[in-house]
Amino acid sequence: MGKIYTIREACDILQIDATTLRRWDREGKIHCIRLSNNFRRVPEEEINRILGIKSNRTDAIYARVSSNGQKNDLYNQINRLKSLHPDALVYSDVRSGLKFNRKGFLELLYKIEDNKINNIYITHRDRLARFGFDLIEDICRIHNTRIIEVEGEEIQSANEELTNDLISIITSFSARLYGIRSQKMKNILEAVKE
């Protein structure tokens, strides 16, 4: 995050009084950060936005499918979003939406944390993440990044993808449970041998 200003510093730069700045915060015209003591701080990006100073921020497109067999769906997502937002950077993954260690997703997340992304365009919210979307949305909000869902046609393989994700969850928990049981069995067998 860039520099953060006190209310007084922000008012001096914006040439307004503190009452106006607080009212703008309440009305959502400016995004202030609240400290634990409830004091407001104003990010430099917000001041620049109000003053009309362009930043080095850009828009992004994110597309994802779960398997290589769905690559046509991936290209369709990218082409649809690119036709609506031709200047946006493209990030994509062929990986389950349950996984957060996706290369394209992590690159996008780092750009968000560096305050380099204005808007993220996605076809559906589950493209970004199957679970935890609210957390990602909160991280974006902190960095003044908006997630914009372009309501398009439902991906034909969405049911299949959801089924695969559910199977992945069940497999993961089964493996953990089996691992625990297996270790208990090993301990019992060792105890019997002794």
C-alpha atoms as a PDB file:
ATOM      1  CA  MET A   1       0.000   0.000   0.000  1.00  0.00           C
ATOM      2  CA  GLY A   2       1.185   3.534  -0.733  1.00  0.00           C
ATOM      3  CA  LYS A   3       1.538   6.334   1.753  1.00  0.00           C
ATOM      4  CA  ILE A   4      -1.214   6.834   4.320  1.00  0.00           C
ATOM      5  CA  TYR A   5      -2.174  10.316   5.512  1.00  0.00           C
ATOM      6  CA  THR A   6      -3.744  11.601   8.705  1.00  0.00           C
ATOM      7  CA  ILE A   7      -7.024  13.505   8.433  1.00  0.00           C
ATOM      8  CA  ARG A   8      -5.207  16.820   8.798  1.00  0.00           C
ATOM      9  CA  GLU A   9      -2.649  15.957   6.092  1.00  0.00           C
ATOM     10  CA  ALA A  10      -5.375  14.733   3.727  1.00  0.00           C
ATOM     11  CA  CYS A  11      -7.462  17.869   4.319  1.00  0.00           C
ATOM     12  CA  ASP A  12      -4.454  20.085   3.534  1.00  0.00           C
ATOM     13  CA  ILE A  13      -3.807  18.248   0.270  1.00  0.00           C
ATOM     14  CA  LEU A  14      -7.482  18.163  -0.781  1.00  0.00           C
ATOM     15  CA  GLN A  15      -8.144  21.739   0.425  1.00  0.00           C
ATOM     16  CA  ILE A  16     -11.206  20.707   2.438  1.00  0.00           C
ATOM     17  CA  ASP A  17     -12.069  20.711   6.124  1.00  0.00           C
ATOM     18  CA  ALA A  18     -12.151  17.637   8.373  1.00  0.00           C
ATOM     19  CA  THR A  19     -15.964  17.679   8.614  1.00  0.00           C
ATOM     20  CA  THR A  20     -16.241  17.363   4.835  1.00  0.00           C
ATOM     21  CA  LEU A  21     -13.721  14.519   4.734  1.00  0.00           C
ATOM     22  CA  ARG A  22     -15.551  12.617   7.472  1.00  0.00           C
ATOM     23  CA  ARG A  23     -18.872  13.136   5.664  1.00  0.00           C
ATOM     24  CA  TRP A  24     -17.332  11.860   2.399  1.00  0.00           C
ATOM     25  CA  ASP A  25     -16.142   8.774   4.281  1.00  0.00           C
ATOM     26  CA  ARG A  26     -19.644   8.115   5.659  1.00  0.00           C
ATOM     27  CA  GLU A  27     -21.176   8.630   2.195  1.00  0.00           C
ATOM     28  CA  GLY A  28     -18.618   6.337   0.540  1.00  0.00           C
ATOM     29  CA  LYS A  29     -17.119   9.113  -1.609  1.00  0.00           C
ATOM     30  CA  ILE A  30     -13.707   8.391  -0.123  1.00  0.00           C
ATOM     31  CA  HIS A  31     -12.365   5.177   1.391  1.00  0.00           C
ATOM     32  CA  CYS A  32     -10.677   5.800   4.746  1.00  0.00           C
ATOM     33  CA  ILE A  33      -8.858   3.184   6.750  1.00  0.00           C
ATOM     34  CA  ARG A  34      -9.999   2.812  10.355  1.00  0.00           C
ATOM     35  CA  LEU A  35      -7.354   2.160  12.983  1.00  0.00           C
ATOM     36  CA  SER A  36      -8.020   0.151  16.131  1.00  0.00           C
ATOM     37  CA  ASN A  37      -8.637   3.399  18.026  1.00  0.00           C
ATOM     38  CA  ASN A  38     -11.239   4.312  15.321  1.00  0.00           C
ATOM     39  CA  PHE A  39      -9.093   7.150  13.920  1.00  0.00           C
ATOM     40  CA  ARG A  40      -9.267   7.575  10.179  1.00  0.00           C
ATOM     41  CA  ARG A  41      -6.325   7.443   7.790  1.00  0.00           C
ATOM     42  CA  VAL A  42      -6.527   8.263   4.093  1.00  0.00           C
ATOM     43  CA  PRO A  43      -4.580   6.197   1.527  1.00  0.00           C
ATOM     44  CA  GLU A  44      -2.605   8.140  -1.064  1.00  0.00           C
ATOM     45  CA  GLU A  45      -4.492   6.313  -3.816  1.00  0.00           C
ATOM     46  CA  GLU A  46      -7.779   7.790  -2.592  1.00  0.00           C
ATOM     47  CA  ILE A  47      -6.365  11.304  -2.562  1.00  0.00           C
ATOM     48  CA  ASN A  48      -4.974  10.796  -6.077  1.00  0.00           C
ATOM     49  CA  ARG A  49      -8.327   9.435  -7.251  1.00  0.00           C
ATOM     50  CA  ILE A  50     -10.196  12.469  -5.948  1.00  0.00           C
ATOM     51  CA  LEU A  51      -7.621  14.855  -7.431  1.00  0.00           C
ATOM     52  CA  GLY A  52      -7.803  13.019 -10.760  1.00  0.00           C
ATOM     53  CA  ILE A  53      -4.148  11.984 -10.686  1.00  0.00           C
ATOM     54  CA  LYS A  54      -3.672   8.881 -12.793  1.00  0.00           C
ATOM     55  CA  SER A  55      -1.799   6.035 -11.196  1.00  0.00           C
ATOM     56  CA  ASN A  56       0.007   3.044 -12.591  1.00  0.00           C
ATOM     57  CA  ARG A  57      -3.010   0.872 -11.790  1.00  0.00           C
ATOM     58  CA  THR A  58      -4.623  -1.243 -14.493  1.00  0.00           C
ATOM     59  CA  ASP A  59      -7.530  -3.614 -14.975  1.00  0.00           C
ATOM     60  CA  ALA A  60      -7.222  -7.399 -15.004  1.00  0.00           C
ATOM     61  CA  ILE A  61      -9.094 -10.376 -16.363  1.00  0.00           C
ATOM     62  CA  TYR A  62      -9.080 -13.679 -14.520  1.00  0.00           C
ATOM     63  CA  ALA A  63     -10.221 -16.953 -16.087  1.00  0.00           C
ATOM     64  CA  ARG A  64      -9.954 -20.514 -14.782  1.00  0.00           C
ATOM     65  CA  VAL A  65     -10.947 -24.069 -15.550  1.00  0.00           C
ATOM     66  CA  SER A  66     -10.206 -27.240 -13.607  1.00  0.00           C
ATOM     67  CA  SER A  67      -8.705 -29.514 -16.250  1.00  0.00           C
ATOM     68  CA  ASN A  68      -6.906 -29.534 -19.595  1.00  0.00           C
ATOM     69  CA  GLY A  69     -10.028 -31.052 -21.156  1.00  0.00           C
ATOM     70  CA  GLN A  70     -11.795 -27.741 -20.493  1.00  0.00           C
ATOM     71  CA  LYS A  71      -9.247 -25.501 -22.236  1.00  0.00           C
ATOM     72  CA  ASN A  72     -11.840 -24.443 -24.826  1.00  0.00           C
ATOM     73  CA  ASP A  73     -13.934 -23.071 -21.949  1.00  0.00           C
ATOM     74  CA  LEU A  74     -10.863 -21.211 -20.696  1.00  0.00           C
ATOM     75  CA  TYR A  75     -10.266 -19.616 -24.108  1.00  0.00           C
ATOM     76  CA  ASN A  76     -13.962 -18.707 -24.329  1.00  0.00           C
ATOM     77  CA  GLN A  77     -13.814 -16.972 -20.935  1.00  0.00           C
ATOM     78  CA  ILE A  78     -10.686 -15.040 -21.898  1.00  0.00           C
ATOM     79  CA  ASN A  79     -12.044 -14.033 -25.318  1.00  0.00           C
ATOM     80  CA  ARG A  80     -15.379 -12.906 -23.876  1.00  0.00           C
ATOM     81  CA  LEU A  81     -13.744 -10.792 -21.172  1.00  0.00           C
ATOM     82  CA  LYS A  82     -11.049  -9.472 -23.525  1.00  0.00           C
ATOM     83  CA  SER A  83     -13.721  -8.327 -25.996  1.00  0.00           C
ATOM     84  CA  LEU A  84     -15.328  -6.257 -23.210  1.00  0.00           C
ATOM     85  CA  HIS A  85     -12.044  -5.027 -21.670  1.00  0.00           C
ATOM     86  CA  PRO A  86      -9.333  -5.099 -24.365  1.00  0.00           C
ATOM     87  CA  ASP A  87      -6.680  -3.257 -22.316  1.00  0.00           C
ATOM     88  CA  ALA A  88      -6.933  -5.503 -19.259  1.00  0.00           C
ATOM     89  CA  LEU A  89      -4.086  -7.824 -18.285  1.00  0.00           C
ATOM     90  CA  VAL A  90      -4.982 -11.514 -18.517  1.00  0.00           C
ATOM     91  CA  TYR A  91      -4.385 -13.999 -15.703  1.00  0.00           C
ATOM     92  CA  SER A  92      -5.550 -17.584 -16.040  1.00  0.00           C
ATOM     93  CA  ASP A  93      -5.167 -21.047 -14.571  1.00  0.00           C
ATOM     94  CA  VAL A  94      -5.976 -24.658 -15.355  1.00  0.00           C
ATOM     95  CA  ARG A  95      -6.457 -25.847 -11.806  1.00  0.00           C
ATOM     96  CA  SER A  96      -9.211 -26.528  -9.304  1.00  0.00           C
ATOM     97  CA  GLY A  97     -10.928 -23.532  -7.740  1.00  0.00           C
ATOM     98  CA  LEU A  98     -10.394 -25.242  -4.384  1.00  0.00           C
ATOM     99  CA  LYS A  99      -6.642 -24.644  -4.637  1.00  0.00           C
ATOM    100  CA  PHE A 100      -5.215 -21.240  -3.786  1.00  0.00           C
ATOM    101  CA  ASN A 101      -1.664 -21.959  -4.982  1.00  0.00           C
ATOM    102  CA  ARG A 102      -2.596 -21.339  -8.618  1.00  0.00           C
ATOM    103  CA  LYS A 103       0.134 -19.483 -10.515  1.00  0.00           C
ATOM    104  CA  GLY A 104      -2.102 -16.945 -12.292  1.00  0.00           C
ATOM    105  CA  PHE A 105      -4.208 -16.380  -9.175  1.00  0.00           C
ATOM    106  CA  LEU A 106      -1.119 -15.730  -7.025  1.00  0.00           C
ATOM    107  CA  GLU A 107       0.373 -13.332  -9.608  1.00  0.00           C
ATOM    108  CA  LEU A 108      -2.921 -11.418  -9.601  1.00  0.00           C
ATOM    109  CA  LEU A 109      -3.057 -11.410  -5.804  1.00  0.00           C
ATOM    110  CA  TYR A 110       0.489  -9.981  -5.589  1.00  0.00           C
ATOM    111  CA  LYS A 111      -0.469  -7.226  -8.054  1.00  0.00           C
ATOM    112  CA  ILE A 112      -3.513  -6.420  -5.914  1.00  0.00           C
ATOM    113  CA  GLU A 113      -1.345  -6.224  -2.796  1.00  0.00           C
ATOM    114  CA  ASP A 114       1.029  -3.878  -4.663  1.00  0.00           C
ATOM    115  CA  ASN A 115      -1.976  -1.637  -5.462  1.00  0.00           C
ATOM    116  CA  LYS A 116      -1.571  -2.156  -9.202  1.00  0.00           C
ATOM    117  CA  ILE A 117      -5.094  -3.428 -10.041  1.00  0.00           C
ATOM    118  CA  ASN A 118      -8.247  -1.281 -10.341  1.00  0.00           C
ATOM    119  CA  ASN A 119     -10.810  -3.862 -11.449  1.00  0.00           C
ATOM    120  CA  ILE A 120     -10.839  -7.633 -11.891  1.00  0.00           C
ATOM    121  CA  TYR A 121     -13.248  -8.929 -14.517  1.00  0.00           C
ATOM    122  CA  ILE A 122     -14.461 -12.523 -14.178  1.00  0.00           C
ATOM    123  CA  THR A 123     -17.261 -14.463 -15.851  1.00  0.00           C
ATOM    124  CA  HIS A 124     -18.483 -16.036 -12.602  1.00  0.00           C
ATOM    125  CA  ARG A 125     -17.333 -15.742  -9.001  1.00  0.00           C
ATOM    126  CA  ASP A 126     -16.444 -19.446  -8.849  1.00  0.00           C
ATOM    127  CA  ARG A 127     -13.772 -18.811 -11.505  1.00  0.00           C
ATOM    128  CA  LEU A 128     -11.819 -16.870  -8.860  1.00  0.00           C
ATOM    129  CA  ALA A 129     -12.449 -19.344  -6.032  1.00  0.00           C
ATOM    130  CA  ARG A 130     -14.889 -22.113  -5.184  1.00  0.00           C
ATOM    131  CA  PHE A 131     -14.694 -21.237  -1.491  1.00  0.00           C
ATOM    132  CA  GLY A 132     -13.358 -18.166   0.284  1.00  0.00           C
ATOM    133  CA  PHE A 133     -14.618 -15.644  -2.281  1.00  0.00           C
ATOM    134  CA  ASP A 134     -15.630 -13.272   0.535  1.00  0.00           C
ATOM    135  CA  LEU A 135     -12.062 -13.234   1.866  1.00  0.00           C
ATOM    136  CA  ILE A 136     -10.656 -12.437  -1.582  1.00  0.00           C
ATOM    137  CA  GLU A 137     -13.281  -9.706  -1.958  1.00  0.00           C
ATOM    138  CA  ASP A 138     -12.240  -8.191   1.401  1.00  0.00           C
ATOM    139  CA  ILE A 139      -8.558  -8.212   0.395  1.00  0.00           C
ATOM    140  CA  CYS A 140      -9.491  -6.467  -2.845  1.00  0.00           C
ATOM    141  CA  ARG A 141     -11.609  -3.890  -1.007  1.00  0.00           C
ATOM    142  CA  ILE A 142      -8.678  -3.020   1.283  1.00  0.00           C
ATOM    143  CA  HIS A 143      -6.590  -2.299  -1.833  1.00  0.00           C
ATOM    144  CA  ASN A 144      -9.391  -0.396  -3.628  1.00  0.00           C
ATOM    145  CA  THR A 145      -9.791  -3.148  -6.210  1.00  0.00           C
ATOM    146  CA  ARG A 146     -13.249  -4.088  -7.447  1.00  0.00           C
ATOM    147  CA  ILE A 147     -14.256  -7.560  -8.597  1.00  0.00           C
ATOM    148  CA  ILE A 148     -16.738  -7.301 -11.443  1.00  0.00           C
ATOM    149  CA  GLU A 149     -18.646 -10.414 -12.423  1.00  0.00           C
ATOM    150  CA  VAL A 150     -19.706 -10.401 -16.056  1.00  0.00           C
ATOM    151  CA  GLU A 151     -22.903 -12.392 -16.150  1.00  0.00           C
ATOM    152  CA  GLY A 152     -22.550 -14.535 -19.208  1.00  0.00           C
ATOM    153  CA  GLU A 153     -23.647 -17.953 -20.263  1.00  0.00           C
ATOM    154  CA  GLU A 154     -23.141 -20.624 -17.680  1.00  0.00           C
ATOM    155  CA  ILE A 155     -20.164 -22.772 -18.590  1.00  0.00           C
ATOM    156  CA  GLN A 156     -21.449 -26.056 -19.964  1.00  0.00           C
ATOM    157  CA  SER A 157     -19.060 -28.120 -17.879  1.00  0.00           C
ATOM    158  CA  ALA A 158     -19.805 -26.292 -14.619  1.00  0.00           C
ATOM    159  CA  ASN A 159     -21.754 -29.240 -13.169  1.00  0.00           C
ATOM    160  CA  GLU A 160     -18.945 -31.604 -14.096  1.00  0.00           C
ATOM    161  CA  GLU A 161     -16.383 -29.240 -12.575  1.00  0.00           C
ATOM    162  CA  LEU A 162     -18.373 -28.896  -9.359  1.00  0.00           C
ATOM    163  CA  THR A 163     -18.656 -32.685  -9.156  1.00  0.00           C
ATOM    164  CA  ASN A 164     -14.882 -33.004  -9.579  1.00  0.00           C
ATOM    165  CA  ASP A 165     -14.293 -30.411  -6.850  1.00  0.00           C
ATOM    166  CA  LEU A 166     -16.622 -32.255  -4.460  1.00  0.00           C
ATOM    167  CA  ILE A 167     -14.822 -35.515  -5.227  1.00  0.00           C
ATOM    168  CA  SER A 168     -11.501 -33.744  -4.484  1.00  0.00           C
ATOM    169  CA  ILE A 169     -12.804 -32.596  -1.099  1.00  0.00           C
ATOM    170  CA  ILE A 170     -14.086 -36.063  -0.211  1.00  0.00           C
ATOM    171  CA  THR A 171     -10.830 -37.680  -1.390  1.00  0.00           C
ATOM    172  CA  SER A 172      -8.757 -35.247   0.656  1.00  0.00           C
ATOM    173  CA  PHE A 173     -10.718 -35.867   3.846  1.00  0.00           C
ATOM    174  CA  SER A 174     -10.799 -39.621   3.227  1.00  0.00           C
ATOM    175  CA  ALA A 175      -7.028 -39.672   2.798  1.00  0.00           C
ATOM    176  CA  ARG A 176      -6.573 -37.796   6.059  1.00  0.00           C
ATOM    177  CA  LEU A 177      -8.944 -40.110   7.869  1.00  0.00           C
ATOM    178  CA  TYR A 178      -7.263 -43.173   6.361  1.00  0.00           C
ATOM    179  CA  GLY A 179      -3.851 -41.756   7.349  1.00  0.00           C
ATOM    180  CA  ILE A 180      -4.991 -41.345  10.949  1.00  0.00           C
ATOM    181  CA  ARG A 181      -6.472 -44.841  11.031  1.00  0.00           C
ATOM    182  CA  SER A 182      -3.378 -46.256   9.339  1.00  0.00           C
ATOM    183  CA  GLN A 183      -1.093 -44.704  11.950  1.00  0.00           C
ATOM    184  CA  LYS A 184      -3.273 -46.041  14.766  1.00  0.00           C
ATOM    185  CA  MET A 185      -3.156 -49.501  13.182  1.00  0.00           C
ATOM    186  CA  LYS A 186       0.651 -49.325  12.879  1.00  0.00           C
ATOM    187  CA  ASN A 187       0.899 -48.372  16.541  1.00  0.00           C
ATOM    188  CA  ILE A 188      -1.363 -51.275  17.547  1.00  0.00           C
ATOM    189  CA  LEU A 189       0.623 -53.761  15.419  1.00  0.00           C
ATOM    190  CA  GLU A 190       3.922 -52.545  16.906  1.00  0.00           C
ATOM    191  CA  ALA A 191       2.490 -52.824  20.406  1.00  0.00           C
ATOM    192  CA  VAL A 192       1.327 -56.389  19.700  1.00  0.00           C
ATOM    193  CA  LYS A 193       4.756 -57.366  18.298  1.00  0.00           C
ATOM    194  CA  GLU A 194       6.476 -56.132  21.416  1.00  0.00           C
END
